[in-house]
Amino acid sequence: MHFLYLFTRQAYGHSLAREALDMALATAAFDQKVSIVFLQDGIYQLLATNDAHTIDAKPHTGVINALPLYDVENVYYVDADRQLRNIRADDLVAHAAAISQATLQELMSSADRIQSF
């Protein structure tokens, strides 16, 4: 079964981002195929220099960096959303790959389950 997780919000100000990452990791632990796409404001979660301490929040960039260690190797971001927010690709975590809106639609069509956060 293929699970697709869509991250559409910034990481801080709510617990959804961290809970969604935990859900994706739990799904992967049961040998399910997991793909994660960061889009819209969710792309901010991929900033390699995301400093949560400045807003007194617990950072979860370490979890994002560890995703490949837990067999979550399909980590993507929508490149048009990155460009719209004037974020350089070099500023994002290295293991996330850019995809187009069309590729996102293909991923959504091929997924058995889609969760959006």
Protein backbone atom coordinates (compact mmCIF):
# COMPACT_ATOMS: atom_id res chain seq x y z
CA MET A 1 0.00 0.00 0.00
CA HIS A 2 1.26 3.48 -0.87
CA PHE A 3 0.69 6.30 1.62
CA LEU A 4 1.14 9.92 0.54
CA TYR A 5 1.54 12.63 3.18
CA LEU A 6 1.09 16.25 2.12
CA PHE A 7 2.58 18.94 4.37
CA THR A 8 0.95 22.28 3.57
CA ARG A 9 1.58 24.38 6.71
CA GLN A 10 4.54 25.88 8.48
CA ALA A 11 5.99 23.77 11.25
CA TYR A 12 5.42 26.01 14.22
CA GLY A 13 2.37 27.36 16.00
CA HIS A 14 0.66 23.97 16.13
CA SER A 15 1.60 20.32 16.65
CA LEU A 16 0.32 19.06 13.31
CA ALA A 17 3.68 19.01 11.55
CA ARG A 18 5.38 16.91 14.20
CA GLU A 19 2.39 14.57 14.55
CA ALA A 20 2.27 14.09 10.78
CA LEU A 21 5.97 13.20 10.71
CA ASP A 22 5.39 10.70 13.50
CA MET A 23 2.50 9.20 11.52
CA ALA A 24 4.66 8.85 8.41
CA LEU A 25 7.42 7.16 10.42
CA ALA A 26 4.95 4.78 12.03
CA THR A 27 3.56 3.88 8.61
CA ALA A 28 7.05 3.19 7.27
CA ALA A 29 7.78 1.01 10.32
CA PHE A 30 5.06 -1.36 9.08
CA ASP A 31 6.84 -1.78 5.72
CA GLN A 32 4.42 0.43 3.83
CA LYS A 33 5.55 2.66 0.97
CA VAL A 34 5.58 6.26 2.17
CA SER A 35 5.98 9.42 0.12
CA ILE A 36 6.04 12.89 1.62
CA VAL A 37 5.46 16.11 -0.30
CA PHE A 38 6.02 19.57 1.16
CA LEU A 39 3.98 22.19 -0.66
CA GLN A 40 2.53 25.65 -0.15
CA ASP A 41 3.78 26.99 3.23
CA GLY A 42 4.83 23.47 4.21
CA ILE A 43 8.01 23.99 2.22
CA TYR A 44 9.32 26.13 5.08
CA GLN A 45 9.70 22.91 7.09
CA LEU A 46 12.52 21.87 4.75
CA LEU A 47 14.72 24.87 5.48
CA ALA A 48 18.04 23.42 6.60
CA THR A 49 18.67 26.34 8.96
CA ASN A 50 15.20 26.38 10.53
CA ASP A 51 15.80 27.79 14.03
CA ALA A 52 12.85 26.91 16.22
CA HIS A 53 14.61 28.10 19.35
CA THR A 54 14.05 31.73 18.39
CA ILE A 55 10.30 31.23 18.81
CA ASP A 56 10.59 28.89 21.81
CA ALA A 57 9.47 25.80 19.89
CA LYS A 58 10.90 22.31 19.64
CA PRO A 59 12.70 21.84 16.31
CA HIS A 60 11.90 18.80 14.21
CA THR A 61 14.43 19.31 11.44
CA GLY A 62 16.36 16.38 12.89
CA VAL A 63 13.40 14.10 12.23
CA ILE A 64 13.15 15.35 8.65
CA ASN A 65 16.87 14.74 8.15
CA ALA A 66 16.49 11.21 9.55
CA LEU A 67 13.61 10.17 7.27
CA PRO A 68 15.87 8.19 4.87
CA LEU A 69 17.20 6.20 7.84
CA TYR A 70 13.64 5.00 8.46
CA ASP A 71 13.06 3.96 4.83
CA VAL A 72 11.19 7.15 3.96
CA GLU A 73 13.21 7.97 0.88
CA ASN A 74 10.50 9.59 -1.24
CA VAL A 75 10.66 13.14 0.11
CA TYR A 76 9.66 15.89 -2.31
CA TYR A 77 8.73 19.55 -2.52
CA VAL A 78 6.77 21.39 -5.18
CA ASP A 79 9.33 23.55 -6.93
CA ALA A 80 6.82 26.22 -7.97
CA ASP A 81 5.97 26.77 -4.28
CA ARG A 82 9.69 27.13 -3.47
CA GLN A 83 10.11 29.70 -6.22
CA LEU A 84 6.97 31.61 -5.22
CA ARG A 85 8.40 32.02 -1.70
CA ASN A 86 11.86 33.05 -2.97
CA ILE A 87 13.56 30.12 -1.26
CA ARG A 88 16.79 28.87 -2.78
CA ALA A 89 16.95 25.12 -3.41
CA ASP A 90 20.36 25.10 -1.69
CA ASP A 91 18.68 26.26 1.53
CA LEU A 92 16.53 23.13 1.75
CA VAL A 93 17.50 19.76 3.24
CA ALA A 94 19.59 17.83 0.75
CA HIS A 95 17.49 14.67 0.44
CA ALA A 96 14.29 16.42 -0.69
CA ALA A 97 13.75 16.41 -4.45
CA ALA A 98 11.95 19.04 -6.49
CA ILE A 99 8.82 17.98 -8.36
CA SER A 100 6.37 19.76 -10.62
CA GLN A 101 2.67 20.22 -10.01
CA ALA A 102 2.04 17.57 -12.69
CA THR A 103 4.25 15.07 -10.85
CA LEU A 104 2.37 15.83 -7.64
CA GLN A 105 -0.87 14.98 -9.44
CA GLU A 106 0.66 11.68 -10.60
CA LEU A 107 1.73 10.85 -7.05
CA MET A 108 -1.75 11.60 -5.80
CA SER A 109 -3.29 9.40 -8.48
CA SER A 110 -1.01 6.48 -7.64
CA ALA A 111 -1.39 6.68 -3.84
CA ASP A 112 -3.74 4.35 -2.00
CA ARG A 113 -4.13 6.75 0.93
CA ILE A 114 -3.55 10.52 1.10
CA GLN A 115 -3.23 12.52 4.31
CA SER A 116 -2.97 16.30 4.21
CA PHE A 117 -1.68 18.38 7.10
